[in-house]
Amino acid sequence: PGNSGLKLGAKRLIPVEGAPWGTLGEAALDSAVERDARALLA
């Protein structure tokens, strides 16, 4: 979204096990995406 402070292309690498690396720009978003990423990896 415009004026959100978030950046197009921001990244977070999420292994199936272990700690992620990088950030999308917001902790709550990082947490939600981490949960969904591991479900998609399955």
Full PDB file with SEQRES, HELIX, SHEET, SSBOND, CRYST1, ORIGX, SCALE, CONECT and MASTER records, all heavy atoms in Angstrom:
SEQRES   1 A   42  PRO GLY ASN SER GLY LEU LYS LEU GLY ALA LYS ARG LEU          
SEQRES   2 A   42  ILE PRO VAL GLU GLY ALA PRO TRP GLY THR LEU GLY GLU          
SEQRES   3 A   42  ALA ALA LEU ASP SER ALA VAL GLU ARG ASP ALA ARG ALA          
SEQRES   4 A   42  LEU LEU ALA                                                  
HELIX    1 AA1 ALA A   27  LEU A   41  1                                  15    
SHEET    1 AA1 2 ARG A  12  LEU A  13  0                                        
SHEET    2 AA1 2 TRP A  21  GLY A  22 -1                                        
CRYST1    1.000    1.000    1.000  90.00  90.00  90.00 P 1           1          
ORIGX1      1.000000  0.000000  0.000000        0.00000                         
ORIGX2      0.000000  1.000000  0.000000        0.00000                         
ORIGX3      0.000000  0.000000  1.000000        0.00000                         
SCALE1      1.000000  0.000000  0.000000        0.00000                         
SCALE2      0.000000  1.000000  0.000000        0.00000                         
SCALE3      0.000000  0.000000  1.000000        0.00000                         
ATOM      1  N   PRO A   1       0.834  -1.201   0.000  1.00  0.00           N  
ATOM      2  CA  PRO A   1       0.000   0.000   0.000  1.00  0.00           C  
ATOM      3  C   PRO A   1       0.871   1.255   0.000  1.00  0.00           C  
ATOM      4  O   PRO A   1       1.982   1.262   0.531  1.00  0.00           O  
ATOM      5  CB  PRO A   1      -0.783  -0.113   1.324  1.00  0.00           C  
ATOM      6  CG  PRO A   1      -0.613  -1.529   1.773  1.00  0.00           C  
ATOM      7  CD  PRO A   1       0.692  -1.996   1.218  1.00  0.00           C  
ATOM      8  N   GLY A   2       0.351   2.325  -0.573  1.00  0.00           N  
ATOM      9  CA  GLY A   2       1.078   3.581  -0.574  1.00  0.00           C  
ATOM     10  C   GLY A   2       1.238   4.142   0.828  1.00  0.00           C  
ATOM     11  O   GLY A   2       0.368   3.958   1.691  1.00  0.00           O  
ATOM     12  N   ASN A   3       2.351   4.829   1.060  1.00  0.00           N  
ATOM     13  CA  ASN A   3       2.643   5.471   2.342  1.00  0.00           C  
ATOM     14  C   ASN A   3       2.634   4.489   3.513  1.00  0.00           C  
ATOM     15  O   ASN A   3       2.341   4.870   4.651  1.00  0.00           O  
ATOM     16  CB  ASN A   3       1.623   6.589   2.624  1.00  0.00           C  
ATOM     17  CG  ASN A   3       1.639   7.649   1.540  1.00  0.00           C  
ATOM     18  OD1 ASN A   3       2.710   8.039   1.064  1.00  0.00           O  
ATOM     19  ND2 ASN A   3       0.460   8.104   1.138  1.00  0.00           N  
ATOM     20  N   SER A   4       2.928   3.223   3.245  1.00  0.00           N  
ATOM     21  CA  SER A   4       2.918   2.225   4.320  1.00  0.00           C  
ATOM     22  C   SER A   4       4.263   2.084   5.002  1.00  0.00           C  
ATOM     23  O   SER A   4       4.355   1.542   6.109  1.00  0.00           O  
ATOM     24  CB  SER A   4       2.518   0.853   3.758  1.00  0.00           C  
ATOM     25  OG  SER A   4       3.516   0.382   2.857  1.00  0.00           O  
ATOM     26  N   GLY A   5       5.309   2.551   4.347  1.00  0.00           N  
ATOM     27  CA  GLY A   5       6.646   2.349   4.882  1.00  0.00           C  
ATOM     28  C   GLY A   5       7.227   1.003   4.516  1.00  0.00           C  
ATOM     29  O   GLY A   5       8.408   0.742   4.750  1.00  0.00           O  
ATOM     30  N   LEU A   6       6.409   0.110   3.947  1.00  0.00           N  
ATOM     31  CA  LEU A   6       6.890  -1.192   3.486  1.00  0.00           C  
ATOM     32  C   LEU A   6       7.475  -1.047   2.087  1.00  0.00           C  
ATOM     33  O   LEU A   6       7.081  -0.172   1.323  1.00  0.00           O  
ATOM     34  CB  LEU A   6       5.748  -2.213   3.480  1.00  0.00           C  
ATOM     35  CG  LEU A   6       5.059  -2.455   4.824  1.00  0.00           C  
ATOM     36  CD1 LEU A   6       3.878  -3.396   4.651  1.00  0.00           C  
ATOM     37  CD2 LEU A   6       6.047  -3.024   5.846  1.00  0.00           C  
ATOM     38  N   LYS A   7       8.408  -1.941   1.740  1.00  0.00           N  
ATOM     39  CA  LYS A   7       9.112  -1.821   0.469  1.00  0.00           C  
ATOM     40  C   LYS A   7       8.798  -2.994  -0.442  1.00  0.00           C  
ATOM     41  O   LYS A   7       8.886  -4.160  -0.027  1.00  0.00           O  
ATOM     42  CB  LYS A   7      10.625  -1.750   0.711  1.00  0.00           C  
ATOM     43  CG  LYS A   7      11.089  -0.492   1.437  1.00  0.00           C  
ATOM     44  CD  LYS A   7      12.601  -0.456   1.550  1.00  0.00           C  
ATOM     45  CE  LYS A   7      13.232  -0.362   0.166  1.00  0.00           C  
ATOM     46  NZ  LYS A   7      14.714  -0.195   0.256  1.00  0.00           N  
ATOM     47  N   LEU A   8       8.417  -2.686  -1.671  1.00  0.00           N  
ATOM     48  CA  LEU A   8       8.233  -3.725  -2.673  1.00  0.00           C  
ATOM     49  C   LEU A   8       9.529  -4.505  -2.816  1.00  0.00           C  
ATOM     50  O   LEU A   8      10.605  -3.934  -2.954  1.00  0.00           O  
ATOM     51  CB  LEU A   8       7.855  -3.098  -4.020  1.00  0.00           C  
ATOM     52  CG  LEU A   8       7.629  -4.071  -5.183  1.00  0.00           C  
ATOM     53  CD1 LEU A   8       6.339  -4.848  -4.968  1.00  0.00           C  
ATOM     54  CD2 LEU A   8       7.576  -3.321  -6.515  1.00  0.00           C  
ATOM     55  N   GLY A   9       9.423  -5.844  -2.754  1.00  0.00           N  
ATOM     56  CA  GLY A   9      10.608  -6.680  -2.908  1.00  0.00           C  
ATOM     57  C   GLY A   9      11.276  -7.063  -1.598  1.00  0.00           C  
ATOM     58  O   GLY A   9      12.234  -7.853  -1.609  1.00  0.00           O  
ATOM     59  N   ALA A  10      10.811  -6.530  -0.459  1.00  0.00           N  
ATOM     60  CA  ALA A  10      11.384  -6.919   0.834  1.00  0.00           C  
ATOM     61  C   ALA A  10      11.211  -8.426   1.020  1.00  0.00           C  
ATOM     62  O   ALA A  10      10.203  -9.002   0.597  1.00  0.00           O  
ATOM     63  CB  ALA A  10      10.705  -6.159   1.965  1.00  0.00           C  
ATOM     64  N   LYS A  11      12.195  -9.072   1.693  1.00  0.00           N  
ATOM     65  CA  LYS A  11      12.205 -10.533   1.726  1.00  0.00           C  
ATOM     66  C   LYS A  11      12.454 -11.091   3.115  1.00  0.00           C  
ATOM     67  O   LYS A  11      13.068 -10.447   3.969  1.00  0.00           O  
ATOM     68  CB  LYS A  11      13.286 -11.070   0.775  1.00  0.00           C  
ATOM     69  CG  LYS A  11      13.092 -10.636  -0.664  1.00  0.00           C  
ATOM     70  CD  LYS A  11      14.153 -11.221  -1.579  1.00  0.00           C  
ATOM     71  CE  LYS A  11      14.009 -10.648  -2.974  1.00  0.00           C  
ATOM     72  NZ  LYS A  11      12.673 -10.883  -3.546  1.00  0.00           N  
ATOM     73  N   ARG A  12      11.997 -12.313   3.281  1.00  0.00           N  
ATOM     74  CA  ARG A  12      12.257 -13.082   4.501  1.00  0.00           C  
ATOM     75  C   ARG A  12      12.411 -14.545   4.101  1.00  0.00           C  
ATOM     76  O   ARG A  12      11.521 -15.117   3.458  1.00  0.00           O  
ATOM     77  CB  ARG A  12      11.119 -12.907   5.504  1.00  0.00           C  
ATOM     78  CG  ARG A  12      11.368 -13.588   6.873  1.00  0.00           C  
ATOM     79  CD  ARG A  12      10.319 -13.101   7.851  1.00  0.00           C  
ATOM     80  NE  ARG A  12      10.313 -13.777   9.132  1.00  0.00           N  
ATOM     81  CZ  ARG A  12      11.120 -13.471  10.154  1.00  0.00           C  
ATOM     82  NH1 ARG A  12      12.021 -12.510  10.014  1.00  0.00           N  
ATOM     83  NH2 ARG A  12      11.029 -14.107  11.316  1.00  0.00           N  
ATOM     84  N   LEU A  13      13.547 -15.142   4.445  1.00  0.00           N  
ATOM     85  CA  LEU A  13      13.830 -16.533   4.116  1.00  0.00           C  
ATOM     86  C   LEU A  13      13.417 -17.413   5.286  1.00  0.00           C  
ATOM     87  O   LEU A  13      13.845 -17.189   6.435  1.00  0.00           O  
ATOM     88  CB  LEU A  13      15.326 -16.711   3.822  1.00  0.00           C  
ATOM     89  CG  LEU A  13      15.749 -18.009   3.132  1.00  0.00           C  
ATOM     90  CD1 LEU A  13      15.205 -18.071   1.713  1.00  0.00           C  
ATOM     91  CD2 LEU A  13      17.274 -18.119   3.120  1.00  0.00           C  
ATOM     92  N   ILE A  14      12.573 -18.411   5.024  1.00  0.00           N  
ATOM     93  CA  ILE A  14      11.972 -19.203   6.090  1.00  0.00           C  
ATOM     94  C   ILE A  14      12.259 -20.687   5.849  1.00  0.00           C  
ATOM     95  O   ILE A  14      11.657 -21.316   4.974  1.00  0.00           O  
ATOM     96  CB  ILE A  14      10.445 -18.972   6.135  1.00  0.00           C  
ATOM     97  CG1 ILE A  14      10.154 -17.471   6.283  1.00  0.00           C  
ATOM     98  CG2 ILE A  14       9.820 -19.768   7.267  1.00  0.00           C  
ATOM     99  CD1 ILE A  14       8.752 -17.081   5.912  1.00  0.00           C  
ATOM    100  N   PRO A  15      13.195 -21.281   6.596  1.00  0.00           N  
ATOM    101  CA  PRO A  15      13.452 -22.720   6.449  1.00  0.00           C  
ATOM    102  C   PRO A  15      12.336 -23.531   7.077  1.00  0.00           C  
ATOM    103  O   PRO A  15      11.595 -23.036   7.935  1.00  0.00           O  
ATOM    104  CB  PRO A  15      14.769 -22.918   7.205  1.00  0.00           C  
ATOM    105  CG  PRO A  15      14.780 -21.816   8.219  1.00  0.00           C  
ATOM    106  CD  PRO A  15      14.060 -20.651   7.590  1.00  0.00           C  
ATOM    107  N   VAL A  16      12.197 -24.767   6.641  1.00  0.00           N  
ATOM    108  CA  VAL A  16      11.145 -25.619   7.199  1.00  0.00           C  
ATOM    109  C   VAL A  16      11.372 -25.826   8.694  1.00  0.00           C  
ATOM    110  O   VAL A  16      10.418 -26.006   9.461  1.00  0.00           O  
ATOM    111  CB  VAL A  16      11.087 -26.965   6.450  1.00  0.00           C  
ATOM    112  CG1 VAL A  16      12.319 -27.816   6.712  1.00  0.00           C  
ATOM    113  CG2 VAL A  16       9.815 -27.721   6.788  1.00  0.00           C  
ATOM    114  N   GLU A  17      12.635 -25.781   9.112  1.00  0.00           N  
ATOM    115  CA  GLU A  17      12.978 -25.824  10.524  1.00  0.00           C  
ATOM    116  C   GLU A  17      14.095 -24.814  10.775  1.00  0.00           C  
ATOM    117  O   GLU A  17      14.986 -24.658   9.957  1.00  0.00           O  
ATOM    118  CB  GLU A  17      13.449 -27.225  10.942  1.00  0.00           C  
ATOM    119  CG  GLU A  17      12.375 -28.301  10.828  1.00  0.00           C  
ATOM    120  CD  GLU A  17      12.909 -29.665  11.186  1.00  0.00           C  
ATOM    121  OE1 GLU A  17      14.145 -29.777  11.379  1.00  0.00           O  
ATOM    122  OE2 GLU A  17      12.125 -30.618  11.278  1.00  0.00           O  
ATOM    123  N   GLY A  18      14.036 -24.146  11.895  1.00  0.00           N  
ATOM    124  CA  GLY A  18      15.086 -23.196  12.216  1.00  0.00           C  
ATOM    125  C   GLY A  18      14.626 -21.762  12.091  1.00  0.00           C  
ATOM    126  O   GLY A  18      13.478 -21.466  11.737  1.00  0.00           O  
ATOM    127  N   ALA A  19      15.549 -20.840  12.370  1.00  0.00           N  
ATOM    128  CA  ALA A  19      15.227 -19.420  12.425  1.00  0.00           C  
ATOM    129  C   ALA A  19      15.198 -18.793  11.036  1.00  0.00           C  
ATOM    130  O   ALA A  19      16.061 -19.076  10.205  1.00  0.00           O  
ATOM    131  CB  ALA A  19      16.253 -18.698  13.291  1.00  0.00           C  
ATOM    132  N   PRO A  20      14.210 -17.935  10.757  1.00  0.00           N  
ATOM    133  CA  PRO A  20      14.158 -17.199   9.482  1.00  0.00           C  
ATOM    134  C   PRO A  20      15.265 -16.157   9.404  1.00  0.00           C  
ATOM    135  O   PRO A  20      15.922 -15.842  10.405  1.00  0.00           O  
ATOM    136  CB  PRO A  20      12.773 -16.552   9.507  1.00  0.00           C  
ATOM    137  CG  PRO A  20      11.990 -17.314  10.532  1.00  0.00           C  
ATOM    138  CD  PRO A  20      13.000 -17.732  11.553  1.00  0.00           C  
ATOM    139  N   TRP A  21      15.423 -15.603   8.208  1.00  0.00           N  
ATOM    140  CA  TRP A  21      16.450 -14.585   7.969  1.00  0.00           C  
ATOM    141  C   TRP A  21      15.841 -13.471   7.125  1.00  0.00           C  
ATOM    142  O   TRP A  21      15.185 -13.723   6.119  1.00  0.00           O  
ATOM    143  CB  TRP A  21      17.632 -15.216   7.243  1.00  0.00           C  
ATOM    144  CG  TRP A  21      18.783 -14.289   7.015  1.00  0.00           C  
ATOM    145  CD1 TRP A  21      19.573 -13.726   7.970  1.00  0.00           C  
ATOM    146  CD2 TRP A  21      19.282 -13.829   5.757  1.00  0.00           C  
ATOM    147  NE1 TRP A  21      20.544 -12.936   7.385  1.00  0.00           N  
ATOM    148  CE2 TRP A  21      20.396 -12.989   6.024  1.00  0.00           C  
ATOM    149  CE3 TRP A  21      18.903 -14.058   4.428  1.00  0.00           C  
ATOM    150  CZ2 TRP A  21      21.114 -12.367   5.007  1.00  0.00           C  
ATOM    151  CZ3 TRP A  21      19.635 -13.438   3.421  1.00  0.00           C  
ATOM    152  CH2 TRP A  21      20.725 -12.599   3.712  1.00  0.00           C  
ATOM    153  N   GLY A  22      16.041 -12.231   7.556  1.00  0.00           N  
ATOM    154  CA  GLY A  22      15.473 -11.100   6.850  1.00  0.00           C  
ATOM    155  C   GLY A  22      14.126 -10.706   7.418  1.00  0.00           C  
ATOM    156  O   GLY A  22      13.575 -11.370   8.299  1.00  0.00           O  
ATOM    157  N   THR A  23      13.571  -9.610   6.901  1.00  0.00           N  
ATOM    158  CA  THR A  23      12.271  -9.137   7.384  1.00  0.00           C  
ATOM    159  C   THR A  23      11.493  -8.485   6.259  1.00  0.00           C  
ATOM    160  O   THR A  23      12.069  -7.886   5.346  1.00  0.00           O  
ATOM    161  CB  THR A  23      12.435  -8.136   8.539  1.00  0.00           C  
ATOM    162  OG1 THR A  23      11.135  -7.698   8.968  1.00  0.00           O  
ATOM    163  CG2 THR A  23      13.268  -6.932   8.119  1.00  0.00           C  
ATOM    164  N   LEU A  24      10.187  -8.600   6.349  1.00  0.00           N  
ATOM    165  CA  LEU A  24       9.301  -7.939   5.394  1.00  0.00           C  
ATOM    166  C   LEU A  24       9.011  -6.506   5.823  1.00  0.00           C  
ATOM    167  O   LEU A  24       8.356  -5.763   5.085  1.00  0.00           O  
ATOM    168  CB  LEU A  24       8.000  -8.731   5.259  1.00  0.00           C  
ATOM    169  CG  LEU A  24       8.158 -10.167   4.753  1.00  0.00           C  
ATOM    170  CD1 LEU A  24       6.828 -10.908   4.817  1.00  0.00           C  
ATOM    171  CD2 LEU A  24       8.702 -10.181   3.330  1.00  0.00           C  
ATOM    172  N   GLY A  25       9.468  -6.149   7.009  1.00  0.00           N  
ATOM    173  CA  GLY A  25       9.321  -4.773   7.457  1.00  0.00           C  
ATOM    174  C   GLY A  25       8.444  -4.595   8.666  1.00  0.00           C  
ATOM    175  O   GLY A  25       8.323  -3.491   9.193  1.00  0.00           O  
ATOM    176  N   GLU A  26       7.820  -5.687   9.132  1.00  0.00           N  
ATOM    177  CA  GLU A  26       6.934  -5.564  10.294  1.00  0.00           C  
ATOM    178  C   GLU A  26       6.838  -6.919  10.991  1.00  0.00           C  
ATOM    179  O   GLU A  26       6.626  -7.951  10.348  1.00  0.00           O  
ATOM    180  CB  GLU A  26       5.555  -5.103   9.863  1.00  0.00           C  
ATOM    181  CG  GLU A  26       4.633  -4.892  11.043  1.00  0.00           C  
ATOM    182  CD  GLU A  26       3.702  -3.708  10.830  1.00  0.00           C  
ATOM    183  OE1 GLU A  26       4.102  -2.736  10.162  1.00  0.00           O  
ATOM    184  OE2 GLU A  26       2.593  -3.764  11.333  1.00  0.00           O  
ATOM    185  N   ALA A  27       6.998  -6.925  12.317  1.00  0.00           N  
ATOM    186  CA  ALA A  27       7.062  -8.165  13.080  1.00  0.00           C  
ATOM    187  C   ALA A  27       5.795  -8.994  12.957  1.00  0.00           C  
ATOM    188  O   ALA A  27       5.846 -10.224  12.806  1.00  0.00           O  
ATOM    189  CB  ALA A  27       7.357  -7.856  14.546  1.00  0.00           C  
ATOM    190  N   ALA A  28       4.618  -8.351  13.039  1.00  0.00           N  
ATOM    191  CA  ALA A  28       3.360  -9.101  12.966  1.00  0.00           C  
ATOM    192  C   ALA A  28       3.204  -9.760  11.604  1.00  0.00           C  
ATOM    193  O   ALA A  28       2.729 -10.899  11.497  1.00  0.00           O  
ATOM    194  CB  ALA A  28       2.181  -8.163  13.245  1.00  0.00           C  
ATOM    195  N   LEU A  29       3.606  -9.059  10.560  1.00  0.00           N  
ATOM    196  CA  LEU A  29       3.541  -9.623   9.211  1.00  0.00           C  
ATOM    197  C   LEU A  29       4.539 -10.762   9.073  1.00  0.00           C  
ATOM    198  O   LEU A  29       4.219 -11.816   8.500  1.00  0.00           O  
ATOM    199  CB  LEU A  29       3.822  -8.532   8.178  1.00  0.00           C  
ATOM    200  CG  LEU A  29       3.783  -8.953   6.706  1.00  0.00           C  
ATOM    201  CD1 LEU A  29       2.418  -9.510   6.335  1.00  0.00           C  
ATOM    202  CD2 LEU A  29       4.142  -7.770   5.804  1.00  0.00           C  
ATOM    203  N   ASP A  30       5.750 -10.575   9.594  1.00  0.00           N  
ATOM    204  CA  ASP A  30       6.758 -11.636   9.550  1.00  0.00           C  
ATOM    205  C   ASP A  30       6.231 -12.914  10.186  1.00  0.00           C  
ATOM    206  O   ASP A  30       6.400 -14.019   9.658  1.00  0.00           O  
ATOM    207  CB  ASP A  30       8.027 -11.200  10.290  1.00  0.00           C  
ATOM    208  CG  ASP A  30       8.869 -10.221   9.488  1.00  0.00           C  
ATOM    209  OD1 ASP A  30       8.625 -10.084   8.272  1.00  0.00           O  
ATOM    210  OD2 ASP A  30       9.761  -9.598  10.089  1.00  0.00           O  
ATOM    211  N   SER A  31       5.578 -12.767  11.335  1.00  0.00           N  
ATOM    212  CA  SER A  31       5.079 -13.928  12.066  1.00  0.00           C  
ATOM    213  C   SER A  31       3.989 -14.655  11.299  1.00  0.00           C  
ATOM    214  O   SER A  31       3.987 -15.891  11.206  1.00  0.00           O  
ATOM    215  CB  SER A  31       4.555 -13.480  13.430  1.00  0.00           C  
ATOM    216  OG  SER A  31       4.030 -14.561  14.144  1.00  0.00           O  
ATOM    217  N   ALA A  32       3.052 -13.895  10.722  1.00  0.00           N  
ATOM    218  CA  ALA A  32       1.954 -14.507   9.968  1.00  0.00           C  
ATOM    219  C   ALA A  32       2.475 -15.217   8.720  1.00  0.00           C  
ATOM    220  O   ALA A  32       2.039 -16.329   8.390  1.00  0.00           O  
ATOM    221  CB  ALA A  32       0.932 -13.449   9.592  1.00  0.00           C  
ATOM    222  N   VAL A  33       3.417 -14.590   8.040  1.00  0.00           N  
ATOM    223  CA  VAL A  33       3.967 -15.185   6.821  1.00  0.00           C  
ATOM    224  C   VAL A  33       4.777 -16.436   7.146  1.00  0.00           C  
ATOM    225  O   VAL A  33       4.730 -17.431   6.415  1.00  0.00           O  
ATOM    226  CB  VAL A  33       4.830 -14.152   6.068  1.00  0.00           C  
ATOM    227  CG1 VAL A  33       5.609 -14.810   4.941  1.00  0.00           C  
ATOM    228  CG2 VAL A  33       3.941 -13.037   5.517  1.00  0.00           C  
ATOM    229  N   GLU A  34       5.505 -16.401   8.247  1.00  0.00           N  
ATOM    230  CA  GLU A  34       6.281 -17.578   8.655  1.00  0.00           C  
ATOM    231  C   GLU A  34       5.375 -18.782   8.860  1.00  0.00           C  
ATOM    232  O   GLU A  34       5.666 -19.896   8.424  1.00  0.00           O  
ATOM    233  CB  GLU A  34       7.051 -17.266   9.937  1.00  0.00           C  
ATOM    234  CG  GLU A  34       7.929 -18.411  10.416  1.00  0.00           C  
ATOM    235  CD  GLU A  34       8.691 -18.052  11.674  1.00  0.00           C  
ATOM    236  OE1 GLU A  34       8.857 -16.839  11.948  1.00  0.00           O  
ATOM    237  OE2 GLU A  34       9.123 -18.980  12.385  1.00  0.00           O  
ATOM    238  N   ARG A  35       4.245 -18.574   9.516  1.00  0.00           N  
ATOM    239  CA  ARG A  35       3.288 -19.658   9.750  1.00  0.00           C  
ATOM    240  C   ARG A  35       2.761 -20.211   8.421  1.00  0.00           C  
ATOM    241  O   ARG A  35       2.737 -21.427   8.196  1.00  0.00           O  
ATOM    242  CB  ARG A  35       2.124 -19.132  10.593  1.00  0.00           C  
ATOM    243  CG  ARG A  35       1.022 -20.151  10.870  1.00  0.00           C  
ATOM    244  CD  ARG A  35      -0.235 -19.450  11.335  1.00  0.00           C  
ATOM    245  NE  ARG A  35      -0.770 -18.550  10.313  1.00  0.00           N  
ATOM    246  CZ  ARG A  35      -1.118 -17.278  10.525  1.00  0.00           C  
ATOM    247  NH1 ARG A  35      -0.979 -16.744  11.722  1.00  0.00           N  
ATOM    248  NH2 ARG A  35      -1.612 -16.545   9.539  1.00  0.00           N  
ATOM    249  N   ASP A  36       2.368 -19.320   7.528  1.00  0.00           N  
ATOM    250  CA  ASP A  36       1.803 -19.762   6.251  1.00  0.00           C  
ATOM    251  C   ASP A  36       2.866 -20.403   5.354  1.00  0.00           C  
ATOM    252  O   ASP A  36       2.569 -21.334   4.599  1.00  0.00           O  
ATOM    253  CB  ASP A  36       1.147 -18.578   5.537  1.00  0.00           C  
ATOM    254  CG  ASP A  36      -0.094 -18.089   6.253  1.00  0.00           C  
ATOM    255  OD1 ASP A  36      -0.690 -18.873   7.006  1.00  0.00           O  
ATOM    256  OD2 ASP A  36      -0.458 -16.905   6.076  1.00  0.00           O  
ATOM    257  N   ALA A  37       4.088 -19.895   5.425  1.00  0.00           N  
ATOM    258  CA  ALA A  37       5.162 -20.446   4.594  1.00  0.00           C  
ATOM    259  C   ALA A  37       5.427 -21.896   4.950  1.00  0.00           C  
ATOM    260  O   ALA A  37       5.612 -22.748   4.061  1.00  0.00           O  
ATOM    261  CB  ALA A  37       6.426 -19.611   4.750  1.00  0.00           C  
ATOM    262  N   ARG A  38       5.429 -22.201   6.220  1.00  0.00           N  
ATOM    263  CA  ARG A  38       5.703 -23.579   6.624  1.00  0.00           C  
ATOM    264  C   ARG A  38       4.555 -24.505   6.236  1.00  0.00           C  
ATOM    265  O   ARG A  38       4.771 -25.677   5.928  1.00  0.00           O  
ATOM    266  CB  ARG A  38       6.000 -23.629   8.117  1.00  0.00           C  
ATOM    267  CG  ARG A  38       7.360 -22.976   8.417  1.00  0.00           C  
ATOM    268  CD  ARG A  38       7.885 -23.227   9.804  1.00  0.00           C  
ATOM    269  NE  ARG A  38       9.300 -22.853   9.866  1.00  0.00           N  
ATOM    270  CZ  ARG A  38       9.819 -22.022  10.748  1.00  0.00           C  
ATOM    271  NH1 ARG A  38       9.036 -21.456  11.650  1.00  0.00           N  
ATOM    272  NH2 ARG A  38      11.110 -21.759  10.731  1.00  0.00           N  
ATOM    273  N   ALA A  39       3.346 -23.982   6.223  1.00  0.00           N  
ATOM    274  CA  ALA A  39       2.214 -24.784   5.745  1.00  0.00           C  
ATOM    275  C   ALA A  39       2.333 -25.043   4.246  1.00  0.00           C  
ATOM    276  O   ALA A  39       2.075 -26.156   3.766  1.00  0.00           O  
ATOM    277  CB  ALA A  39       0.897 -24.084   6.064  1.00  0.00           C  
ATOM    278  N   LEU A  40       2.753 -24.024   3.489  1.00  0.00           N  
ATOM    279  CA  LEU A  40       2.920 -24.199   2.051  1.00  0.00           C  
ATOM    280  C   LEU A  40       4.080 -25.129   1.736  1.00  0.00           C  
ATOM    281  O   LEU A  40       4.028 -25.895   0.764  1.00  0.00           O  
ATOM    282  CB  LEU A  40       3.137 -22.849   1.375  1.00  0.00           C  
ATOM    283  CG  LEU A  40       1.897 -21.971   1.229  1.00  0.00           C  
ATOM    284  CD1 LEU A  40       2.273 -20.581   0.709  1.00  0.00           C  
ATOM    285  CD2 LEU A  40       0.879 -22.610   0.283  1.00  0.00           C  
ATOM    286  N   LEU A  41       5.144 -25.094   2.539  1.00  0.00           N  
ATOM    287  CA  LEU A  41       6.264 -26.001   2.323  1.00  0.00           C  
ATOM    288  C   LEU A  41       5.821 -27.456   2.443  1.00  0.00           C  
ATOM    289  O   LEU A  41       6.322 -28.332   1.735  1.00  0.00           O  
ATOM    290  CB  LEU A  41       7.384 -25.714   3.328  1.00  0.00           C  
ATOM    291  CG  LEU A  41       8.285 -24.522   3.011  1.00  0.00           C  
ATOM    292  CD1 LEU A  41       9.194 -24.218   4.196  1.00  0.00           C  
ATOM    293  CD2 LEU A  41       9.095 -24.777   1.754  1.00  0.00           C  
ATOM    294  N   ALA A  42       4.872 -27.715   3.316  1.00  0.00           N  
ATOM    295  CA  ALA A  42       4.377 -29.081   3.483  1.00  0.00           C  
ATOM    296  C   ALA A  42       3.677 -29.573   2.222  1.00  0.00           C  
ATOM    297  O   ALA A  42       3.705 -30.768   1.908  1.00  0.00           O  
ATOM    298  CB  ALA A  42       3.431 -29.149   4.676  1.00  0.00           C  
TER     299      ALA A  42                                                      
MASTER        0    0    0    1    2    0    0    6  298    1    0    4          
END                                                                             
